[in-house]
Amino acid sequence: MCYSEGLQVSRGDNTWYFFYDRSHNTESASWAKQTASKGAWKSQGEKSIYGLANRIGSKTSLDFIEETSEGRKIEWVMEQYHQANSK
């Protein structure tokens, strides 16, 4: 994940926000296979977001799977929001 030091925000309630520019990544990249140091983020699906009658973006929910022999699911959830037509 690419993010700038100045673009991470904590609400103080164990909720963090990270903002990054996807334009540096290839469109064919599989966002369901994002890895971290001790596991990976597994996509739980994408939901379209509409404003009036137009699709304005989407939300993808991901669960963190710990890298163990059991592949234990941890209580971490990430939600990615994508703006439609943002190239």
PDB file of N, CA and C in Angstrom:
ATOM      1  N   MET A   1       0.853  -1.164   0.000  1.00  0.00           N
ATOM      2  CA  MET A   1       0.000   0.000   0.000  1.00  0.00           C
ATOM      3  C   MET A   1       0.900   1.227   0.000  1.00  0.00           C
ATOM      4  N   CYS A   2       0.561   2.176  -0.817  1.00  0.00           N
ATOM      5  CA  CYS A   2       1.306   3.426  -0.882  1.00  0.00           C
ATOM      6  C   CYS A   2       0.489   4.517  -0.214  1.00  0.00           C
ATOM      7  N   TYR A   3       1.039   5.131   0.783  1.00  0.00           N
ATOM      8  CA  TYR A   3       0.379   6.289   1.368  1.00  0.00           C
ATOM      9  C   TYR A   3       1.435   7.245   1.881  1.00  0.00           C
ATOM     10  N   SER A   4       1.099   8.480   1.882  1.00  0.00           N
ATOM     11  CA  SER A   4       2.003   9.516   2.350  1.00  0.00           C
ATOM     12  C   SER A   4       1.867   9.657   3.854  1.00  0.00           C
ATOM     13  N   GLU A   5       2.955   9.979   4.521  1.00  0.00           N
ATOM     14  CA  GLU A   5       2.942  10.148   5.971  1.00  0.00           C
ATOM     15  C   GLU A   5       1.872  11.143   6.409  1.00  0.00           C
ATOM     16  N   GLY A   6       1.621  12.169   5.620  1.00  0.00           N
ATOM     17  CA  GLY A   6       0.646  13.181   5.984  1.00  0.00           C
ATOM     18  C   GLY A   6      -0.784  12.811   5.670  1.00  0.00           C
ATOM     19  N   LEU A   7      -1.017  11.644   5.076  1.00  0.00           N
ATOM     20  CA  LEU A   7      -2.360  11.272   4.661  1.00  0.00           C
ATOM     21  C   LEU A   7      -2.947  10.126   5.477  1.00  0.00           C
ATOM     22  N   GLN A   8      -2.455   9.913   6.668  1.00  0.00           N
ATOM     23  CA  GLN A   8      -3.056   8.924   7.558  1.00  0.00           C
ATOM     24  C   GLN A   8      -3.672   9.659   8.738  1.00  0.00           C
ATOM     25  N   VAL A   9      -4.860   9.253   9.114  1.00  0.00           N
ATOM     26  CA  VAL A   9      -5.615   9.959  10.144  1.00  0.00           C
ATOM     27  C   VAL A   9      -6.198   8.949  11.119  1.00  0.00           C
ATOM     28  N   SER A  10      -6.092   9.227  12.407  1.00  0.00           N
ATOM     29  CA  SER A  10      -6.716   8.394  13.431  1.00  0.00           C
ATOM     30  C   SER A  10      -7.840   9.180  14.084  1.00  0.00           C
ATOM     31  N   ARG A  11      -8.975   8.513  14.289  1.00  0.00           N
ATOM     32  CA  ARG A  11     -10.091   9.141  14.998  1.00  0.00           C
ATOM     33  C   ARG A  11      -9.940   8.999  16.505  1.00  0.00           C
ATOM     34  N   GLY A  12      -8.980   8.211  16.955  1.00  0.00           N
ATOM     35  CA  GLY A  12      -8.789   8.010  18.384  1.00  0.00           C
ATOM     36  C   GLY A  12      -9.618   6.881  18.959  1.00  0.00           C
ATOM     37  N   ASP A  13     -10.375   6.165  18.143  1.00  0.00           N
ATOM     38  CA  ASP A  13     -11.203   5.051  18.621  1.00  0.00           C
ATOM     39  C   ASP A  13     -10.822   3.751  17.915  1.00  0.00           C
ATOM     40  N   ASN A  14      -9.534   3.577  17.659  1.00  0.00           N
ATOM     41  CA  ASN A  14      -9.009   2.413  16.936  1.00  0.00           C
ATOM     42  C   ASN A  14      -9.464   2.376  15.487  1.00  0.00           C
ATOM     43  N   THR A  15      -9.902   3.501  14.959  1.00  0.00           N
ATOM     44  CA  THR A  15     -10.257   3.611  13.548  1.00  0.00           C
ATOM     45  C   THR A  15      -9.207   4.475  12.865  1.00  0.00           C
ATOM     46  N   TRP A  16      -8.654   3.979  11.771  1.00  0.00           N
ATOM     47  CA  TRP A  16      -7.637   4.713  11.013  1.00  0.00           C
ATOM     48  C   TRP A  16      -8.105   4.888   9.584  1.00  0.00           C
ATOM     49  N   TYR A  17      -7.709   5.989   8.985  1.00  0.00           N
ATOM     50  CA  TYR A  17      -7.991   6.258   7.579  1.00  0.00           C
ATOM     51  C   TYR A  17      -6.670   6.467   6.857  1.00  0.00           C
ATOM     52  N   PHE A  18      -6.513   5.823   5.705  1.00  0.00           N
ATOM     53  CA  PHE A  18      -5.333   5.988   4.866  1.00  0.00           C
ATOM     54  C   PHE A  18      -5.804   6.392   3.482  1.00  0.00           C
ATOM     55  N   PHE A  19      -5.210   7.418   2.940  1.00  0.00           N
ATOM     56  CA  PHE A  19      -5.573   7.899   1.616  1.00  0.00           C
ATOM     57  C   PHE A  19      -4.383   7.691   0.689  1.00  0.00           C
ATOM     58  N   TYR A  20      -4.640   7.141  -0.494  1.00  0.00           N
ATOM     59  CA  TYR A  20      -3.563   6.952  -1.454  1.00  0.00           C
ATOM     60  C   TYR A  20      -4.101   7.065  -2.864  1.00  0.00           C
ATOM     61  N   ASP A  21      -3.191   7.298  -3.790  1.00  0.00           N
ATOM     62  CA  ASP A  21      -3.530   7.491  -5.198  1.00  0.00           C
ATOM     63  C   ASP A  21      -3.326   6.179  -5.941  1.00  0.00           C
ATOM     64  N   ARG A  22      -4.412   5.575  -6.419  1.00  0.00           N
ATOM     65  CA  ARG A  22      -4.323   4.307  -7.150  1.00  0.00           C
ATOM     66  C   ARG A  22      -3.783   4.473  -8.552  1.00  0.00           C
ATOM     67  N   SER A  23      -3.632   5.689  -9.048  1.00  0.00           N
ATOM     68  CA  SER A  23      -3.222   5.890 -10.437  1.00  0.00           C
ATOM     69  C   SER A  23      -1.834   5.325 -10.714  1.00  0.00           C
ATOM     70  N   HIS A  24      -1.035   5.074  -9.686  1.00  0.00           N
ATOM     71  CA  HIS A  24       0.293   4.511  -9.879  1.00  0.00           C
ATOM     72  C   HIS A  24       0.270   2.988  -9.960  1.00  0.00           C
ATOM     73  N   ASN A  25      -0.866   2.389  -9.721  1.00  0.00           N
ATOM     74  CA  ASN A  25      -1.020   0.937  -9.787  1.00  0.00           C
ATOM     75  C   ASN A  25      -1.707   0.556 -11.091  1.00  0.00           C
ATOM     76  N   THR A  26      -1.497  -0.662 -11.519  1.00  0.00           N
ATOM     77  CA  THR A  26      -2.133  -1.110 -12.750  1.00  0.00           C
ATOM     78  C   THR A  26      -3.594  -1.424 -12.496  1.00  0.00           C
ATOM     79  N   GLU A  27      -4.423  -1.176 -13.480  1.00  0.00           N
ATOM     80  CA  GLU A  27      -5.856  -1.458 -13.349  1.00  0.00           C
ATOM     81  C   GLU A  27      -6.125  -2.953 -13.217  1.00  0.00           C
ATOM     82  N   SER A  28      -5.204  -3.789 -13.710  1.00  0.00           N
ATOM     83  CA  SER A  28      -5.425  -5.230 -13.662  1.00  0.00           C
ATOM     84  C   SER A  28      -5.009  -5.835 -12.319  1.00  0.00           C
ATOM     85  N   ALA A  29      -4.505  -5.011 -11.414  1.00  0.00           N
ATOM     86  CA  ALA A  29      -4.064  -5.530 -10.116  1.00  0.00           C
ATOM     87  C   ALA A  29      -5.250  -6.124  -9.361  1.00  0.00           C
ATOM     88  N   SER A  30      -5.003  -7.235  -8.706  1.00  0.00           N
ATOM     89  CA  SER A  30      -6.052  -7.873  -7.919  1.00  0.00           C
ATOM     90  C   SER A  30      -6.045  -7.284  -6.515  1.00  0.00           C
ATOM     91  N   TRP A  31      -7.038  -6.451  -6.208  1.00  0.00           N
ATOM     92  CA  TRP A  31      -7.104  -5.807  -4.902  1.00  0.00           C
ATOM     93  C   TRP A  31      -7.490  -6.807  -3.822  1.00  0.00           C
ATOM     94  N   ALA A  32      -7.945  -7.993  -4.205  1.00  0.00           N
ATOM     95  CA  ALA A  32      -8.301  -9.011  -3.220  1.00  0.00           C
ATOM     96  C   ALA A  32      -7.062  -9.689  -2.645  1.00  0.00           C
ATOM     97  N   LYS A  33      -5.884  -9.436  -3.210  1.00  0.00           N
ATOM     98  CA  LYS A  33      -4.668 -10.116  -2.777  1.00  0.00           C
ATOM     99  C   LYS A  33      -3.654  -9.140  -2.194  1.00  0.00           C
ATOM    100  N   GLN A  34      -4.091  -8.171  -1.461  1.00  0.00           N
ATOM    101  CA  GLN A  34      -3.175  -7.233  -0.833  1.00  0.00           C
ATOM    102  C   GLN A  34      -2.547  -7.909   0.371  1.00  0.00           C
ATOM    103  N   THR A  35      -1.224  -7.851   0.459  1.00  0.00           N
ATOM    104  CA  THR A  35      -0.531  -8.537   1.538  1.00  0.00           C
ATOM    105  C   THR A  35      -0.021  -7.559   2.582  1.00  0.00           C
ATOM    106  N   ALA A  36       0.202  -8.068   3.768  1.00  0.00           N
ATOM    107  CA  ALA A  36       0.789  -7.322   4.873  1.00  0.00           C
ATOM    108  C   ALA A  36       1.871  -8.204   5.479  1.00  0.00           C
ATOM    109  N   SER A  37       2.585  -7.705   6.463  1.00  0.00           N
ATOM    110  CA  SER A  37       3.738  -8.424   6.997  1.00  0.00           C
ATOM    111  C   SER A  37       3.393  -9.775   7.621  1.00  0.00           C
ATOM    112  N   LYS A  38       2.252  -9.928   8.228  1.00  0.00           N
ATOM    113  CA  LYS A  38       1.898 -11.185   8.909  1.00  0.00           C
ATOM    114  C   LYS A  38       0.616 -11.811   8.386  1.00  0.00           C
ATOM    115  N   GLY A  39       0.220 -11.489   7.160  1.00  0.00           N
ATOM    116  CA  GLY A  39      -1.007 -12.047   6.624  1.00  0.00           C
ATOM    117  C   GLY A  39      -1.429 -11.341   5.359  1.00  0.00           C
ATOM    118  N   ALA A  40      -2.719 -11.404   5.063  1.00  0.00           N
ATOM    119  CA  ALA A  40      -3.234 -10.799   3.833  1.00  0.00           C
ATOM    120  C   ALA A  40      -4.658 -10.312   4.053  1.00  0.00           C
ATOM    121  N   TRP A  41      -5.060  -9.358   3.236  1.00  0.00           N
ATOM    122  CA  TRP A  41      -6.428  -8.840   3.249  1.00  0.00           C
ATOM    123  C   TRP A  41      -7.239  -9.607   2.218  1.00  0.00           C
ATOM    124  N   LYS A  42      -8.345 -10.212   2.629  1.00  0.00           N
ATOM    125  CA  LYS A  42      -9.200 -10.998   1.739  1.00  0.00           C
ATOM    126  C   LYS A  42     -10.488 -10.226   1.465  1.00  0.00           C
ATOM    127  N   SER A  43     -10.784 -10.032   0.190  1.00  0.00           N
ATOM    128  CA  SER A  43     -11.969  -9.279  -0.208  1.00  0.00           C
ATOM    129  C   SER A  43     -13.238 -10.044   0.133  1.00  0.00           C
ATOM    130  N   GLN A  44     -14.229  -9.323   0.655  1.00  0.00           N
ATOM    131  CA  GLN A  44     -15.534  -9.895   0.960  1.00  0.00           C
ATOM    132  C   GLN A  44     -16.591  -9.403  -0.023  1.00  0.00           C
ATOM    133  N   GLY A  45     -16.147  -8.709  -1.057  1.00  0.00           N
ATOM    134  CA  GLY A  45     -17.075  -8.259  -2.085  1.00  0.00           C
ATOM    135  C   GLY A  45     -17.105  -6.754  -2.233  1.00  0.00           C
ATOM    136  N   GLU A  46     -17.656  -6.321  -3.350  1.00  0.00           N
ATOM    137  CA  GLU A  46     -17.739  -4.904  -3.681  1.00  0.00           C
ATOM    138  C   GLU A  46     -19.196  -4.485  -3.803  1.00  0.00           C
ATOM    139  N   LYS A  47     -19.515  -3.309  -3.284  1.00  0.00           N
ATOM    140  CA  LYS A  47     -20.876  -2.779  -3.342  1.00  0.00           C
ATOM    141  C   LYS A  47     -20.833  -1.425  -4.040  1.00  0.00           C
ATOM    142  N   SER A  48     -21.702  -1.228  -5.016  1.00  0.00           N
ATOM    143  CA  SER A  48     -21.778   0.054  -5.714  1.00  0.00           C
ATOM    144  C   SER A  48     -22.434   1.100  -4.826  1.00  0.00           C
ATOM    145  N   ILE A  49     -21.989   2.341  -4.978  1.00  0.00           N
ATOM    146  CA  ILE A  49     -22.557   3.475  -4.246  1.00  0.00           C
ATOM    147  C   ILE A  49     -23.181   4.411  -5.267  1.00  0.00           C
ATOM    148  N   TYR A  50     -24.441   4.800  -5.020  1.00  0.00           N
ATOM    149  CA  TYR A  50     -25.173   5.641  -5.967  1.00  0.00           C
ATOM    150  C   TYR A  50     -25.516   6.983  -5.345  1.00  0.00           C
ATOM    151  N   GLY A  51     -25.475   8.023  -6.169  1.00  0.00           N
ATOM    152  CA  GLY A  51     -25.931   9.353  -5.801  1.00  0.00           C
ATOM    153  C   GLY A  51     -27.018   9.714  -6.795  1.00  0.00           C
ATOM    154  N   LEU A  52     -28.205   9.948  -6.326  1.00  0.00           N
ATOM    155  CA  LEU A  52     -29.381  10.088  -7.198  1.00  0.00           C
ATOM    156  C   LEU A  52     -29.499   8.803  -8.002  1.00  0.00           C
ATOM    157  N   ALA A  53     -29.389   8.839  -9.318  1.00  0.00           N
ATOM    158  CA  ALA A  53     -29.510   7.620 -10.123  1.00  0.00           C
ATOM    159  C   ALA A  53     -28.170   7.187 -10.706  1.00  0.00           C
ATOM    160  N   ASN A  54     -27.105   7.929 -10.414  1.00  0.00           N
ATOM    161  CA  ASN A  54     -25.800   7.638 -11.011  1.00  0.00           C
ATOM    162  C   ASN A  54     -24.874   6.926 -10.031  1.00  0.00           C
ATOM    163  N   ARG A  55     -24.100   5.985 -10.568  1.00  0.00           N
ATOM    164  CA  ARG A  55     -23.081   5.307  -9.764  1.00  0.00           C
ATOM    165  C   ARG A  55     -21.932   6.291  -9.549  1.00  0.00           C
ATOM    166  N   ILE A  56     -21.617   6.577  -8.283  1.00  0.00           N
ATOM    167  CA  ILE A  56     -20.551   7.533  -7.997  1.00  0.00           C
ATOM    168  C   ILE A  56     -19.298   6.862  -7.433  1.00  0.00           C
ATOM    169  N   GLY A  57     -19.396   5.581  -7.124  1.00  0.00           N
ATOM    170  CA  GLY A  57     -18.236   4.875  -6.605  1.00  0.00           C
ATOM    171  C   GLY A  57     -18.595   3.492  -6.118  1.00  0.00           C
ATOM    172  N   SER A  58     -17.671   2.918  -5.350  1.00  0.00           N
ATOM    173  CA  SER A  58     -17.899   1.586  -4.798  1.00  0.00           C
ATOM    174  C   SER A  58     -17.179   1.453  -3.461  1.00  0.00           C
ATOM    175  N   LYS A  59     -17.609   0.457  -2.693  1.00  0.00           N
ATOM    176  CA  LYS A  59     -16.987   0.142  -1.411  1.00  0.00           C
ATOM    177  C   LYS A  59     -16.635  -1.338  -1.419  1.00  0.00           C
ATOM    178  N   THR A  60     -15.398  -1.651  -1.063  1.00  0.00           N
ATOM    179  CA  THR A  60     -14.950  -3.027  -0.952  1.00  0.00           C
ATOM    180  C   THR A  60     -14.611  -3.302   0.505  1.00  0.00           C
ATOM    181  N   SER A  61     -15.167  -4.358   1.066  1.00  0.00           N
ATOM    182  CA  SER A  61     -14.859  -4.760   2.441  1.00  0.00           C
ATOM    183  C   SER A  61     -13.835  -5.882   2.407  1.00  0.00           C
ATOM    184  N   LEU A  62     -12.827  -5.792   3.282  1.00  0.00           N
ATOM    185  CA  LEU A  62     -11.774  -6.794   3.353  1.00  0.00           C
ATOM    186  C   LEU A  62     -11.564  -7.219   4.797  1.00  0.00           C
ATOM    187  N   ASP A  63     -11.303  -8.510   5.014  1.00  0.00           N
ATOM    188  CA  ASP A  63     -10.973  -9.049   6.330  1.00  0.00           C
ATOM    189  C   ASP A  63      -9.498  -9.413   6.339  1.00  0.00           C
ATOM    190  N   PHE A  64      -8.844  -9.242   7.481  1.00  0.00           N
ATOM    191  CA  PHE A  64      -7.435  -9.617   7.597  1.00  0.00           C
ATOM    192  C   PHE A  64      -7.334 -11.072   8.009  1.00  0.00           C
ATOM    193  N   ILE A  65      -6.554 -11.850   7.259  1.00  0.00           N
ATOM    194  CA  ILE A  65      -6.321 -13.261   7.552  1.00  0.00           C
ATOM    195  C   ILE A  65      -4.871 -13.398   8.003  1.00  0.00           C
ATOM    196  N   GLU A  66      -4.674 -13.844   9.240  1.00  0.00           N
ATOM    197  CA  GLU A  66      -3.330 -13.988   9.793  1.00  0.00           C
ATOM    198  C   GLU A  66      -2.601 -15.135   9.108  1.00  0.00           C
ATOM    199  N   GLU A  67      -1.305 -14.965   8.906  1.00  0.00           N
ATOM    200  CA  GLU A  67      -0.487 -15.973   8.244  1.00  0.00           C
ATOM    201  C   GLU A  67      -0.090 -17.053   9.258  1.00  0.00           C
ATOM    202  N   THR A  68      -0.971 -18.047   9.429  1.00  0.00           N
ATOM    203  CA  THR A  68      -0.711 -19.198  10.295  1.00  0.00           C
ATOM    204  C   THR A  68      -1.144 -20.440   9.533  1.00  0.00           C
ATOM    205  N   SER A  69      -0.875 -21.602  10.093  1.00  0.00           N
ATOM    206  CA  SER A  69      -1.292 -22.835   9.418  1.00  0.00           C
ATOM    207  C   SER A  69      -2.813 -22.920   9.305  1.00  0.00           C
ATOM    208  N   GLU A  70      -3.536 -22.306  10.246  1.00  0.00           N
ATOM    209  CA  GLU A  70      -5.001 -22.318  10.208  1.00  0.00           C
ATOM    210  C   GLU A  70      -5.574 -21.164   9.388  1.00  0.00           C
ATOM    211  N   GLY A  71      -4.759 -20.169   9.056  1.00  0.00           N
ATOM    212  CA  GLY A  71      -5.264 -18.993   8.349  1.00  0.00           C
ATOM    213  C   GLY A  71      -6.307 -18.271   9.184  1.00  0.00           C
ATOM    214  N   ARG A  72      -5.983 -18.002  10.431  1.00  0.00           N
ATOM    215  CA  ARG A  72      -6.926 -17.430  11.403  1.00  0.00           C
ATOM    216  C   ARG A  72      -7.375 -16.026  11.001  1.00  0.00           C
ATOM    217  N   LYS A  73      -8.687 -15.811  11.031  1.00  0.00           N
ATOM    218  CA  LYS A  73      -9.258 -14.495  10.753  1.00  0.00           C
ATOM    219  C   LYS A  73      -9.137 -13.633  12.004  1.00  0.00           C
ATOM    220  N   ILE A  74      -8.634 -12.418  11.823  1.00  0.00           N
ATOM    221  CA  ILE A  74      -8.451 -11.481  12.934  1.00  0.00           C
ATOM    222  C   ILE A  74      -9.600 -10.483  12.892  1.00  0.00           C
ATOM    223  N   GLU A  75      -9.844  -9.789  13.965  1.00  0.00           N
ATOM    224  CA  GLU A  75     -10.947  -8.829  14.053  1.00  0.00           C
ATOM    225  C   GLU A  75     -10.638  -7.504  13.357  1.00  0.00           C
ATOM    226  N   TRP A  76      -9.879  -7.530  12.292  1.00  0.00           N
ATOM    227  CA  TRP A  76      -9.561  -6.310  11.552  1.00  0.00           C
ATOM    228  C   TRP A  76     -10.366  -6.292  10.269  1.00  0.00           C
ATOM    229  N   VAL A  77     -11.018  -5.204  10.012  1.00  0.00           N
ATOM    230  CA  VAL A  77     -11.796  -5.027   8.786  1.00  0.00           C
ATOM    231  C   VAL A  77     -11.330  -3.736   8.130  1.00  0.00           C
ATOM    232  N   MET A  78     -11.148  -3.779   6.828  1.00  0.00           N
ATOM    233  CA  MET A  78     -10.786  -2.586   6.072  1.00  0.00           C
ATOM    234  C   MET A  78     -11.871  -2.357   5.031  1.00  0.00           C
ATOM    235  N   GLU A  79     -12.269  -1.126   4.870  1.00  0.00           N
ATOM    236  CA  GLU A  79     -13.227  -0.767   3.828  1.00  0.00           C
ATOM    237  C   GLU A  79     -12.542   0.205   2.882  1.00  0.00           C
ATOM    238  N   GLN A  80     -12.482  -0.174   1.608  1.00  0.00           N
ATOM    239  CA  GLN A  80     -11.884   0.685   0.586  1.00  0.00           C
ATOM    240  C   GLN A  80     -13.003   1.344  -0.196  1.00  0.00           C
ATOM    241  N   TYR A  81     -12.885   2.636  -0.359  1.00  0.00           N
ATOM    242  CA  TYR A  81     -13.849   3.392  -1.155  1.00  0.00           C
ATOM    243  C   TYR A  81     -13.155   3.852  -2.422  1.00  0.00           C
ATOM    244  N   HIS A  82     -13.827   3.669  -3.546  1.00  0.00           N
ATOM    245  CA  HIS A  82     -13.272   4.051  -4.841  1.00  0.00           C
ATOM    246  C   HIS A  82     -14.238   4.993  -5.537  1.00  0.00           C
ATOM    247  N   GLN A  83     -13.711   6.083  -6.033  1.00  0.00           N
ATOM    248  CA  GLN A  83     -14.523   7.036  -6.785  1.00  0.00           C
ATOM    249  C   GLN A  83     -14.682   6.525  -8.210  1.00  0.00           C
ATOM    250  N   ALA A  84     -15.879   6.564  -8.754  1.00  0.00           N
ATOM    251  CA  ALA A  84     -16.123   6.118 -10.127  1.00  0.00           C
ATOM    252  C   ALA A  84     -15.411   7.051 -11.104  1.00  0.00           C
ATOM    253  N   ASN A  85     -14.914   6.482 -12.175  1.00  0.00           N
ATOM    254  CA  ASN A  85     -14.242   7.241 -13.237  1.00  0.00           C
ATOM    255  C   ASN A  85     -13.100   8.093 -12.719  1.00  0.00           C
ATOM    256  N   SER A  86     -12.338   7.585 -11.769  1.00  0.00           N
ATOM    257  CA  SER A  86     -11.193   8.338 -11.249  1.00  0.00           C
ATOM    258  C   SER A  86      -9.910   7.736 -11.798  1.00  0.00           C
ATOM    259  N   LYS A  87      -9.466   8.254 -12.912  1.00  0.00           N
ATOM    260  CA  LYS A  87      -8.236   7.749 -13.532  1.00  0.00           C
ATOM    261  C   LYS A  87      -7.164   8.781 -13.487  1.00  0.00           C
TER     262      LYS A  87
END
